[in-house]
PDB file of all heavy atoms in Angstrom:
ATOM      1  N   ILE A   1     -37.365  43.105   0.847  1.00  0.00           N
ATOM      2  CA  ILE A   1     -35.970  43.425   1.133  1.00  0.00           C
ATOM      3  C   ILE A   1     -35.510  42.833   2.461  1.00  0.00           C
ATOM      4  O   ILE A   1     -34.305  42.680   2.692  1.00  0.00           O
ATOM      5  CB  ILE A   1     -35.715  44.955   1.147  1.00  0.00           C
ATOM      6  CG1 ILE A   1     -36.535  45.643   2.240  1.00  0.00           C
ATOM      7  CG2 ILE A   1     -36.007  45.561  -0.207  1.00  0.00           C
ATOM      8  CD1 ILE A   1     -36.157  47.107   2.445  1.00  0.00           C
ATOM      9  N   TYR A   2     -36.465  42.470   3.339  1.00  0.00           N
ATOM     10  CA  TYR A   2     -36.113  41.848   4.615  1.00  0.00           C
ATOM     11  C   TYR A   2     -36.243  40.333   4.572  1.00  0.00           C
ATOM     12  O   TYR A   2     -36.031  39.666   5.579  1.00  0.00           O
ATOM     13  CB  TYR A   2     -36.979  42.413   5.743  1.00  0.00           C
ATOM     14  CG  TYR A   2     -36.468  43.709   6.336  1.00  0.00           C
ATOM     15  CD1 TYR A   2     -35.494  44.465   5.685  1.00  0.00           C
ATOM     16  CD2 TYR A   2     -36.952  44.195   7.545  1.00  0.00           C
ATOM     17  CE1 TYR A   2     -35.020  45.654   6.211  1.00  0.00           C
ATOM     18  CE2 TYR A   2     -36.479  45.390   8.082  1.00  0.00           C
ATOM     19  CZ  TYR A   2     -35.512  46.112   7.406  1.00  0.00           C
ATOM     20  OH  TYR A   2     -35.050  47.294   7.944  1.00  0.00           O
ATOM     21  N   ASN A   3     -36.615  39.802   3.432  1.00  0.00           N
ATOM     22  CA  ASN A   3     -36.672  38.342   3.295  1.00  0.00           C
ATOM     23  C   ASN A   3     -35.269  37.773   3.166  1.00  0.00           C
ATOM     24  O   ASN A   3     -34.344  38.457   2.722  1.00  0.00           O
ATOM     25  CB  ASN A   3     -37.496  37.942   2.069  1.00  0.00           C
ATOM     26  CG  ASN A   3     -38.978  38.144   2.277  1.00  0.00           C
ATOM     27  OD1 ASN A   3     -39.457  38.221   3.406  1.00  0.00           O
ATOM     28  ND2 ASN A   3     -39.723  38.233   1.180  1.00  0.00           N
ATOM     29  N   ASP A   4     -35.118  36.511   3.545  1.00  0.00           N
ATOM     30  CA  ASP A   4     -33.830  35.841   3.388  1.00  0.00           C
ATOM     31  C   ASP A   4     -33.420  35.856   1.918  1.00  0.00           C
ATOM     32  O   ASP A   4     -34.198  35.481   1.035  1.00  0.00           O
ATOM     33  CB  ASP A   4     -33.937  34.398   3.891  1.00  0.00           C
ATOM     34  CG  ASP A   4     -32.607  33.692   3.874  1.00  0.00           C
ATOM     35  OD1 ASP A   4     -32.265  33.127   2.818  1.00  0.00           O
ATOM     36  OD2 ASP A   4     -31.907  33.694   4.897  1.00  0.00           O
ATOM     37  N   ALA A   5     -32.194  36.308   1.658  1.00  0.00           N
ATOM     38  CA  ALA A   5     -31.743  36.484   0.275  1.00  0.00           C
ATOM     39  C   ALA A   5     -31.772  35.188  -0.513  1.00  0.00           C
ATOM     40  O   ALA A   5     -32.110  35.189  -1.710  1.00  0.00           O
ATOM     41  CB  ALA A   5     -30.335  37.073   0.265  1.00  0.00           C
ATOM     42  N   SER A   6     -31.440  34.075   0.130  1.00  0.00           N
ATOM     43  CA  SER A   6     -31.400  32.808  -0.614  1.00  0.00           C
ATOM     44  C   SER A   6     -32.781  32.423  -1.113  1.00  0.00           C
ATOM     45  O   SER A   6     -32.926  31.868  -2.211  1.00  0.00           O
ATOM     46  CB  SER A   6     -30.830  31.684   0.268  1.00  0.00           C
ATOM     47  OG  SER A   6     -31.705  31.378   1.347  1.00  0.00           O
ATOM     48  N   LEU A   7     -33.823  32.737  -0.348  1.00  0.00           N
ATOM     49  CA  LEU A   7     -35.186  32.416  -0.776  1.00  0.00           C
ATOM     50  C   LEU A   7     -35.587  33.250  -1.985  1.00  0.00           C
ATOM     51  O   LEU A   7     -36.246  32.751  -2.900  1.00  0.00           O
ATOM     52  CB  LEU A   7     -36.164  32.664   0.375  1.00  0.00           C
ATOM     53  CG  LEU A   7     -36.054  31.721   1.578  1.00  0.00           C
ATOM     54  CD1 LEU A   7     -36.876  32.247   2.737  1.00  0.00           C
ATOM     55  CD2 LEU A   7     -36.511  30.314   1.200  1.00  0.00           C
ATOM     56  N   MET A   8     -35.197  34.527  -1.982  1.00  0.00           N
ATOM     57  CA  MET A   8     -35.581  35.406  -3.068  1.00  0.00           C
ATOM     58  C   MET A   8     -34.793  35.116  -4.340  1.00  0.00           C
ATOM     59  O   MET A   8     -35.358  35.039  -5.437  1.00  0.00           O
ATOM     60  CB  MET A   8     -35.387  36.869  -2.657  1.00  0.00           C
ATOM     61  CG  MET A   8     -36.192  37.301  -1.437  1.00  0.00           C
ATOM     62  SD  MET A   8     -37.972  36.975  -1.577  1.00  0.00           S
ATOM     63  CE  MET A   8     -38.384  37.916  -3.033  1.00  0.00           C
ATOM     64  N   TRP A   9     -33.504  34.959  -4.231  1.00  0.00           N
ATOM     65  CA  TRP A   9     -32.676  34.799  -5.421  1.00  0.00           C
ATOM     66  C   TRP A   9     -32.875  33.445  -6.089  1.00  0.00           C
ATOM     67  O   TRP A   9     -32.793  33.335  -7.316  1.00  0.00           O
ATOM     68  CB  TRP A   9     -31.198  35.004  -5.071  1.00  0.00           C
ATOM     69  CG  TRP A   9     -30.851  36.439  -4.866  1.00  0.00           C
ATOM     70  CD1 TRP A   9     -30.864  37.127  -3.677  1.00  0.00           C
ATOM     71  CD2 TRP A   9     -30.491  37.396  -5.872  1.00  0.00           C
ATOM     72  NE1 TRP A   9     -30.533  38.449  -3.875  1.00  0.00           N
ATOM     73  CE2 TRP A   9     -30.283  38.643  -5.212  1.00  0.00           C
ATOM     74  CE3 TRP A   9     -30.314  37.332  -7.248  1.00  0.00           C
ATOM     75  CZ2 TRP A   9     -29.914  39.796  -5.887  1.00  0.00           C
ATOM     76  CZ3 TRP A   9     -29.942  38.483  -7.921  1.00  0.00           C
ATOM     77  CH2 TRP A   9     -29.745  39.689  -7.251  1.00  0.00           C
ATOM     78  N   LYS A  10     -33.118  32.403  -5.297  1.00  0.00           N
ATOM     79  CA  LYS A  10     -33.312  31.070  -5.871  1.00  0.00           C
ATOM     80  C   LYS A  10     -34.675  30.913  -6.523  1.00  0.00           C
ATOM     81  O   LYS A  10     -34.865  30.046  -7.376  1.00  0.00           O
ATOM     82  CB  LYS A  10     -33.129  29.994  -4.796  1.00  0.00           C
ATOM     83  CG  LYS A  10     -31.694  29.810  -4.330  1.00  0.00           C
ATOM     84  CD  LYS A  10     -31.543  28.608  -3.419  1.00  0.00           C
ATOM     85  CE  LYS A  10     -32.319  28.746  -2.149  1.00  0.00           C
ATOM     86  NZ  LYS A  10     -32.065  27.636  -1.200  1.00  0.00           N
ATOM     87  N   GLY A  11     -35.629  31.731  -6.105  1.00  0.00           N
ATOM     88  CA  GLY A  11     -36.978  31.567  -6.637  1.00  0.00           C
ATOM     89  C   GLY A  11     -37.616  30.287  -6.133  1.00  0.00           C
ATOM     90  O   GLY A  11     -38.197  29.520  -6.901  1.00  0.00           O
ATOM     91  N   VAL A  12     -37.498  30.064  -4.823  1.00  0.00           N
ATOM     92  CA  VAL A  12     -38.076  28.856  -4.231  1.00  0.00           C
ATOM     93  C   VAL A  12     -39.570  28.766  -4.555  1.00  0.00           C
ATOM     94  O   VAL A  12     -40.098  27.699  -4.841  1.00  0.00           O
ATOM     95  CB  VAL A  12     -37.845  28.845  -2.709  1.00  0.00           C
ATOM     96  CG1 VAL A  12     -38.597  27.683  -2.056  1.00  0.00           C
ATOM     97  CG2 VAL A  12     -36.359  28.747  -2.402  1.00  0.00           C
ATOM     98  N   SER A  13     -40.239  29.908  -4.506  1.00  0.00           N
ATOM     99  CA  SER A  13     -41.643  30.005  -4.911  1.00  0.00           C
ATOM    100  C   SER A  13     -41.835  31.329  -5.644  1.00  0.00           C
ATOM    101  O   SER A  13     -41.320  32.353  -5.194  1.00  0.00           O
ATOM    102  CB  SER A  13     -42.584  29.949  -3.710  1.00  0.00           C
ATOM    103  OG  SER A  13     -42.506  28.705  -3.048  1.00  0.00           O
ATOM    104  N   TYR A  14     -42.557  31.298  -6.732  1.00  0.00           N
ATOM    105  CA  TYR A  14     -42.851  32.524  -7.464  1.00  0.00           C
ATOM    106  C   TYR A  14     -44.119  32.336  -8.286  1.00  0.00           C
ATOM    107  O   TYR A  14     -44.515  31.213  -8.609  1.00  0.00           O
ATOM    108  CB  TYR A  14     -41.691  32.925  -8.371  1.00  0.00           C
ATOM    109  CG  TYR A  14     -41.368  31.921  -9.465  1.00  0.00           C
ATOM    110  CD1 TYR A  14     -41.985  31.990 -10.712  1.00  0.00           C
ATOM    111  CD2 TYR A  14     -40.442  30.906  -9.252  1.00  0.00           C
ATOM    112  CE1 TYR A  14     -41.706  31.070 -11.710  1.00  0.00           C
ATOM    113  CE2 TYR A  14     -40.151  29.979 -10.241  1.00  0.00           C
ATOM    114  CZ  TYR A  14     -40.778  30.070 -11.461  1.00  0.00           C
ATOM    115  OH  TYR A  14     -40.505  29.150 -12.444  1.00  0.00           O
ATOM    116  N   ALA A  15     -44.755  33.450  -8.601  1.00  0.00           N
ATOM    117  CA  ALA A  15     -45.971  33.406  -9.416  1.00  0.00           C
ATOM    118  C   ALA A  15     -45.633  33.759 -10.855  1.00  0.00           C
ATOM    119  O   ALA A  15     -44.866  34.680 -11.115  1.00  0.00           O
ATOM    120  CB  ALA A  15     -47.000  34.394  -8.866  1.00  0.00           C
ATOM    121  N   HIS A  16     -46.193  32.993 -11.781  1.00  0.00           N
ATOM    122  CA  HIS A  16     -46.039  33.341 -13.191  1.00  0.00           C
ATOM    123  C   HIS A  16     -47.114  32.649 -14.022  1.00  0.00           C
ATOM    124  O   HIS A  16     -47.274  31.440 -13.983  1.00  0.00           O
ATOM    125  CB  HIS A  16     -44.677  32.938 -13.726  1.00  0.00           C
ATOM    126  CG  HIS A  16     -44.435  33.478 -15.118  1.00  0.00           C
ATOM    127  ND1 HIS A  16     -44.166  34.807 -15.347  1.00  0.00           N
ATOM    128  CD2 HIS A  16     -44.494  32.891 -16.335  1.00  0.00           C
ATOM    129  CE1 HIS A  16     -44.030  35.009 -16.648  1.00  0.00           C
ATOM    130  NE2 HIS A  16     -44.237  33.870 -17.266  1.00  0.00           N
ATOM    131  N   GLY A  17     -47.855  33.454 -14.779  1.00  0.00           N
ATOM    132  CA  GLY A  17     -48.887  32.917 -15.664  1.00  0.00           C
ATOM    133  C   GLY A  17     -50.178  32.598 -14.941  1.00  0.00           C
ATOM    134  O   GLY A  17     -50.339  32.853 -13.749  1.00  0.00           O
ATOM    135  N   LYS A  18     -51.113  32.031 -15.678  1.00  0.00           N
ATOM    136  CA  LYS A  18     -52.411  31.683 -15.111  1.00  0.00           C
ATOM    137  C   LYS A  18     -52.881  30.363 -15.689  1.00  0.00           C
ATOM    138  O   LYS A  18     -52.505  29.963 -16.793  1.00  0.00           O
ATOM    139  CB  LYS A  18     -53.431  32.783 -15.393  1.00  0.00           C
ATOM    140  CG  LYS A  18     -53.589  33.133 -16.860  1.00  0.00           C
ATOM    141  CD  LYS A  18     -54.490  34.345 -17.043  1.00  0.00           C
ATOM    142  CE  LYS A  18     -54.607  34.717 -18.528  1.00  0.00           C
ATOM    143  NZ  LYS A  18     -55.451  35.907 -18.726  1.00  0.00           N
ATOM    144  N   ASP A  19     -53.721  29.668 -14.931  1.00  0.00           N
ATOM    145  CA  ASP A  19     -54.242  28.384 -15.401  1.00  0.00           C
ATOM    146  C   ASP A  19     -55.478  28.598 -16.274  1.00  0.00           C
ATOM    147  O   ASP A  19     -55.830  29.734 -16.614  1.00  0.00           O
ATOM    148  CB  ASP A  19     -54.523  27.442 -14.225  1.00  0.00           C
ATOM    149  CG  ASP A  19     -55.677  27.921 -13.340  1.00  0.00           C
ATOM    150  OD1 ASP A  19     -56.360  28.911 -13.691  1.00  0.00           O
ATOM    151  OD2 ASP A  19     -55.903  27.295 -12.287  1.00  0.00           O
ATOM    152  N   LYS A  20     -56.142  27.532 -16.659  1.00  0.00           N
ATOM    153  CA  LYS A  20     -57.281  27.631 -17.570  1.00  0.00           C
ATOM    154  C   LYS A  20     -58.482  28.345 -16.951  1.00  0.00           C
ATOM    155  O   LYS A  20     -59.387  28.785 -17.666  1.00  0.00           O
ATOM    156  CB  LYS A  20     -57.686  26.234 -18.043  1.00  0.00           C
ATOM    157  CG  LYS A  20     -56.661  25.583 -18.974  1.00  0.00           C
ATOM    158  CD  LYS A  20     -57.119  24.219 -19.464  1.00  0.00           C
ATOM    159  CE  LYS A  20     -56.096  23.624 -20.438  1.00  0.00           C
ATOM    160  NZ  LYS A  20     -56.505  22.285 -20.955  1.00  0.00           N
ATOM    161  N   LEU A  21     -58.482  28.468 -15.626  1.00  0.00           N
ATOM    162  CA  LEU A  21     -59.555  29.185 -14.938  1.00  0.00           C
ATOM    163  C   LEU A  21     -59.197  30.647 -14.695  1.00  0.00           C
ATOM    164  O   LEU A  21     -59.995  31.396 -14.128  1.00  0.00           O
ATOM    165  CB  LEU A  21     -59.880  28.497 -13.606  1.00  0.00           C
ATOM    166  CG  LEU A  21     -60.441  27.078 -13.690  1.00  0.00           C
ATOM    167  CD1 LEU A  21     -60.682  26.521 -12.289  1.00  0.00           C
ATOM    168  CD2 LEU A  21     -61.728  27.033 -14.505  1.00  0.00           C
ATOM    169  N   GLY A  22     -57.991  31.036 -15.105  1.00  0.00           N
ATOM    170  CA  GLY A  22     -57.550  32.400 -14.895  1.00  0.00           C
ATOM    171  C   GLY A  22     -56.871  32.626 -13.560  1.00  0.00           C
ATOM    172  O   GLY A  22     -56.544  33.765 -13.206  1.00  0.00           O
ATOM    173  N   GLN A  23     -56.636  31.558 -12.811  1.00  0.00           N
ATOM    174  CA  GLN A  23     -56.000  31.673 -11.499  1.00  0.00           C
ATOM    175  C   GLN A  23     -54.484  31.807 -11.649  1.00  0.00           C
ATOM    176  O   GLN A  23     -53.879  31.087 -12.445  1.00  0.00           O
ATOM    177  CB  GLN A  23     -56.320  30.433 -10.648  1.00  0.00           C
ATOM    178  CG  GLN A  23     -57.798  30.223 -10.423  1.00  0.00           C
ATOM    179  CD  GLN A  23     -58.112  28.915  -9.718  1.00  0.00           C
ATOM    180  OE1 GLN A  23     -58.969  28.867  -8.841  1.00  0.00           O
ATOM    181  NE2 GLN A  23     -57.437  27.833 -10.088  1.00  0.00           N
ATOM    182  N   PRO A  24     -53.851  32.728 -10.899  1.00  0.00           N
ATOM    183  CA  PRO A  24     -52.388  32.842 -10.964  1.00  0.00           C
ATOM    184  C   PRO A  24     -51.727  31.511 -10.596  1.00  0.00           C
ATOM    185  O   PRO A  24     -52.192  30.821  -9.684  1.00  0.00           O
ATOM    186  CB  PRO A  24     -52.076  33.918  -9.918  1.00  0.00           C
ATOM    187  CG  PRO A  24     -53.336  34.676  -9.745  1.00  0.00           C
ATOM    188  CD  PRO A  24     -54.448  33.698  -9.964  1.00  0.00           C
ATOM    189  N   ILE A  25     -50.662  31.175 -11.307  1.00  0.00           N
ATOM    190  CA  ILE A  25     -49.933  29.930 -11.039  1.00  0.00           C
ATOM    191  C   ILE A  25     -48.756  30.221 -10.127  1.00  0.00           C
ATOM    192  O   ILE A  25     -47.935  31.099 -10.412  1.00  0.00           O
ATOM    193  CB  ILE A  25     -49.415  29.287 -12.339  1.00  0.00           C
ATOM    194  CG1 ILE A  25     -50.574  29.002 -13.299  1.00  0.00           C
ATOM    195  CG2 ILE A  25     -48.648  27.999 -12.038  1.00  0.00           C
ATOM    196  CD1 ILE A  25     -50.118  28.560 -14.683  1.00  0.00           C
ATOM    197  N   ILE A  26     -48.669  29.483  -9.034  1.00  0.00           N
ATOM    198  CA  ILE A  26     -47.551  29.599  -8.109  1.00  0.00           C
ATOM    199  C   ILE A  26     -46.664  28.375  -8.302  1.00  0.00           C
ATOM    200  O   ILE A  26     -47.093  27.243  -8.086  1.00  0.00           O
ATOM    201  CB  ILE A  26     -48.022  29.663  -6.643  1.00  0.00           C
ATOM    202  CG1 ILE A  26     -49.210  30.612  -6.497  1.00  0.00           C
ATOM    203  CG2 ILE A  26     -46.861  30.035  -5.741  1.00  0.00           C
ATOM    204  CD1 ILE A  26     -48.952  32.002  -6.994  1.00  0.00           C
ATOM    205  N   TRP A  27     -45.438  28.625  -8.732  1.00  0.00           N
ATOM    206  CA  TRP A  27     -44.479  27.541  -8.940  1.00  0.00           C
ATOM    207  C   TRP A  27     -43.617  27.397  -7.692  1.00  0.00           C
ATOM    208  O   TRP A  27     -42.968  28.350  -7.265  1.00  0.00           O
ATOM    209  CB  TRP A  27     -43.600  27.836 -10.154  1.00  0.00           C
ATOM    210  CG  TRP A  27     -44.355  27.868 -11.438  1.00  0.00           C
ATOM    211  CD1 TRP A  27     -44.911  28.966 -12.035  1.00  0.00           C
ATOM    212  CD2 TRP A  27     -44.661  26.762 -12.277  1.00  0.00           C
ATOM    213  NE1 TRP A  27     -45.544  28.612 -13.200  1.00  0.00           N
ATOM    214  CE2 TRP A  27     -45.411  27.253 -13.380  1.00  0.00           C
ATOM    215  CE3 TRP A  27     -44.374  25.393 -12.222  1.00  0.00           C
ATOM    216  CZ2 TRP A  27     -45.866  26.439 -14.399  1.00  0.00           C
ATOM    217  CZ3 TRP A  27     -44.834  24.581 -13.239  1.00  0.00           C
ATOM    218  CH2 TRP A  27     -45.573  25.099 -14.311  1.00  0.00           C
ATOM    219  N   SER A  28     -43.621  26.219  -7.120  1.00  0.00           N
ATOM    220  CA  SER A  28     -42.840  25.964  -5.912  1.00  0.00           C
ATOM    221  C   SER A  28     -41.996  24.715  -6.124  1.00  0.00           C
ATOM    222  O   SER A  28     -42.510  23.591  -6.098  1.00  0.00           O
ATOM    223  CB  SER A  28     -43.779  25.779  -4.707  1.00  0.00           C
ATOM    224  OG  SER A  28     -43.048  25.583  -3.524  1.00  0.00           O
ATOM    225  N   GLY A  29     -40.699  24.921  -6.360  1.00  0.00           N
ATOM    226  CA  GLY A  29     -39.795  23.800  -6.612  1.00  0.00           C
ATOM    227  C   GLY A  29     -39.127  23.330  -5.338  1.00  0.00           C
ATOM    228  O   GLY A  29     -38.278  24.028  -4.771  1.00  0.00           O
ATOM    229  N   SER A  30     -39.496  22.161  -4.867  1.00  0.00           N
ATOM    230  CA  SER A  30     -38.988  21.688  -3.577  1.00  0.00           C
ATOM    231  C   SER A  30     -37.484  21.430  -3.590  1.00  0.00           C
ATOM    232  O   SER A  30     -36.820  21.527  -2.553  1.00  0.00           O
ATOM    233  CB  SER A  30     -39.722  20.412  -3.161  1.00  0.00           C
ATOM    234  OG  SER A  30     -39.425  19.346  -4.051  1.00  0.00           O
ATOM    235  N   CYS A  31     -36.914  21.108  -4.764  1.00  0.00           N
ATOM    236  CA  CYS A  31     -35.481  20.806  -4.820  1.00  0.00           C
ATOM    237  C   CYS A  31     -34.621  22.027  -4.503  1.00  0.00           C
ATOM    238  O   CYS A  31     -33.427  21.890  -4.199  1.00  0.00           O
ATOM    239  CB  CYS A  31     -35.106  20.223  -6.182  1.00  0.00           C
ATOM    240  SG  CYS A  31     -35.190  21.410  -7.536  1.00  0.00           S
ATOM    241  N   LEU A  32     -35.218  23.218  -4.558  1.00  0.00           N
ATOM    242  CA  LEU A  32     -34.476  24.448  -4.263  1.00  0.00           C
ATOM    243  C   LEU A  32     -34.488  24.783  -2.779  1.00  0.00           C
ATOM    244  O   LEU A  32     -33.763  25.686  -2.337  1.00  0.00           O
ATOM    245  CB  LEU A  32     -35.077  25.625  -5.044  1.00  0.00           C
ATOM    246  CG  LEU A  32     -35.034  25.527  -6.564  1.00  0.00           C
ATOM    247  CD1 LEU A  32     -35.781  26.703  -7.182  1.00  0.00           C
ATOM    248  CD2 LEU A  32     -33.598  25.491  -7.063  1.00  0.00           C
ATOM    249  N   HIS A  33     -35.311  24.075  -2.022  1.00  0.00           N
ATOM    250  CA  HIS A  33     -35.460  24.390  -0.595  1.00  0.00           C
ATOM    251  C   HIS A  33     -34.624  23.455   0.273  1.00  0.00           C
ATOM    252  O   HIS A  33     -34.699  22.231   0.146  1.00  0.00           O
ATOM    253  CB  HIS A  33     -36.930  24.278  -0.175  1.00  0.00           C
ATOM    254  CG  HIS A  33     -37.126  24.458   1.299  1.00  0.00           C
ATOM    255  ND1 HIS A  33     -36.967  25.667   1.920  1.00  0.00           N
ATOM    256  CD2 HIS A  33     -37.439  23.559   2.275  1.00  0.00           C
ATOM    257  CE1 HIS A  33     -37.185  25.525   3.220  1.00  0.00           C
ATOM    258  NE2 HIS A  33     -37.474  24.256   3.455  1.00  0.00           N
ATOM    259  N   HIS A  34     -33.841  24.057   1.154  1.00  0.00           N
ATOM    260  CA  HIS A  34     -33.081  23.301   2.145  1.00  0.00           C
ATOM    261  C   HIS A  34     -33.276  23.974   3.502  1.00  0.00           C
ATOM    262  O   HIS A  34     -33.007  25.171   3.649  1.00  0.00           O
ATOM    263  CB  HIS A  34     -31.598  23.244   1.789  1.00  0.00           C
ATOM    264  CG  HIS A  34     -31.311  22.478   0.542  1.00  0.00           C
ATOM    265  ND1 HIS A  34     -31.367  23.068  -0.706  1.00  0.00           N
ATOM    266  CD2 HIS A  34     -30.992  21.167   0.330  1.00  0.00           C
ATOM    267  CE1 HIS A  34     -31.085  22.165  -1.636  1.00  0.00           C
ATOM    268  NE2 HIS A  34     -30.860  21.011  -1.032  1.00  0.00           N
ATOM    269  N   GLN A  35     -33.743  23.219   4.449  1.00  0.00           N
ATOM    270  CA  GLN A  35     -34.101  23.772   5.755  1.00  0.00           C
ATOM    271  C   GLN A  35     -32.941  24.516   6.409  1.00  0.00           C
ATOM    272  O   GLN A  35     -33.131  25.543   7.058  1.00  0.00           O
ATOM    273  CB  GLN A  35     -34.577  22.645   6.678  1.00  0.00           C
ATOM    274  CG  GLN A  35     -35.109  23.123   8.018  1.00  0.00           C
ATOM    275  CD  GLN A  35     -35.643  21.979   8.850  1.00  0.00           C
ATOM    276  OE1 GLN A  35     -35.541  20.812   8.466  1.00  0.00           O
ATOM    277  NE2 GLN A  35     -36.232  22.283   9.995  1.00  0.00           N
ATOM    278  N   LYS A  36     -31.728  24.046   6.206  1.00  0.00           N
ATOM    279  CA  LYS A  36     -30.560  24.642   6.858  1.00  0.00           C
ATOM    280  C   LYS A  36     -30.164  25.995   6.250  1.00  0.00           C
ATOM    281  O   LYS A  36     -29.363  26.725   6.830  1.00  0.00           O
ATOM    282  CB  LYS A  36     -29.366  23.700   6.765  1.00  0.00           C
ATOM    283  CG  LYS A  36     -28.946  23.368   5.335  1.00  0.00           C
ATOM    284  CD  LYS A  36     -27.770  22.412   5.303  1.00  0.00           C
ATOM    285  CE  LYS A  36     -27.402  21.995   3.885  1.00  0.00           C
ATOM    286  NZ  LYS A  36     -27.079  23.119   2.999  1.00  0.00           N
ATOM    287  N   ASP A  37     -30.720  26.324   5.098  1.00  0.00           N
ATOM    288  CA  ASP A  37     -30.310  27.565   4.419  1.00  0.00           C
ATOM    289  C   ASP A  37     -30.854  28.824   5.083  1.00  0.00           C
ATOM    290  O   ASP A  37     -30.360  29.926   4.834  1.00  0.00           O
ATOM    291  CB  ASP A  37     -30.763  27.546   2.953  1.00  0.00           C
ATOM    292  CG  ASP A  37     -29.926  26.599   2.111  1.00  0.00           C
ATOM    293  OD1 ASP A  37     -28.894  26.105   2.615  1.00  0.00           O
ATOM    294  OD2 ASP A  37     -30.301  26.360   0.952  1.00  0.00           O
ATOM    295  N   GLN A  38     -31.912  28.694   5.898  1.00  0.00           N
ATOM    296  CA  GLN A  38     -32.481  29.864   6.562  1.00  0.00           C
ATOM    297  C   GLN A  38     -33.158  29.422   7.850  1.00  0.00           C
ATOM    298  O   GLN A  38     -33.509  28.257   8.009  1.00  0.00           O
ATOM    299  CB  GLN A  38     -33.493  30.592   5.666  1.00  0.00           C
ATOM    300  CG  GLN A  38     -34.699  29.766   5.253  1.00  0.00           C
ATOM    301  CD  GLN A  38     -34.391  28.822   4.133  1.00  0.00           C
ATOM    302  OE1 GLN A  38     -33.842  29.198   3.116  1.00  0.00           O
ATOM    303  NE2 GLN A  38     -34.735  27.553   4.332  1.00  0.00           N
ATOM    304  N   SER A  39     -33.332  30.362   8.748  1.00  0.00           N
ATOM    305  CA  SER A  39     -33.980  30.052  10.025  1.00  0.00           C
ATOM    306  C   SER A  39     -35.483  29.889   9.824  1.00  0.00           C
ATOM    307  O   SER A  39     -36.052  30.388   8.834  1.00  0.00           O
ATOM    308  CB  SER A  39     -33.712  31.165  11.035  1.00  0.00           C
ATOM    309  OG  SER A  39     -34.355  32.369  10.633  1.00  0.00           O
TER     310      SER A  39
END
């Protein structure tokens, strides 16, 4: 709740699913990140 709202709502990084080894997959889409959007 104290994280920057733009980071949370855009889903800049999130976990969903697992790979063939059973490791959680972290999806991080760089096109959603802009340095000026948050400190």
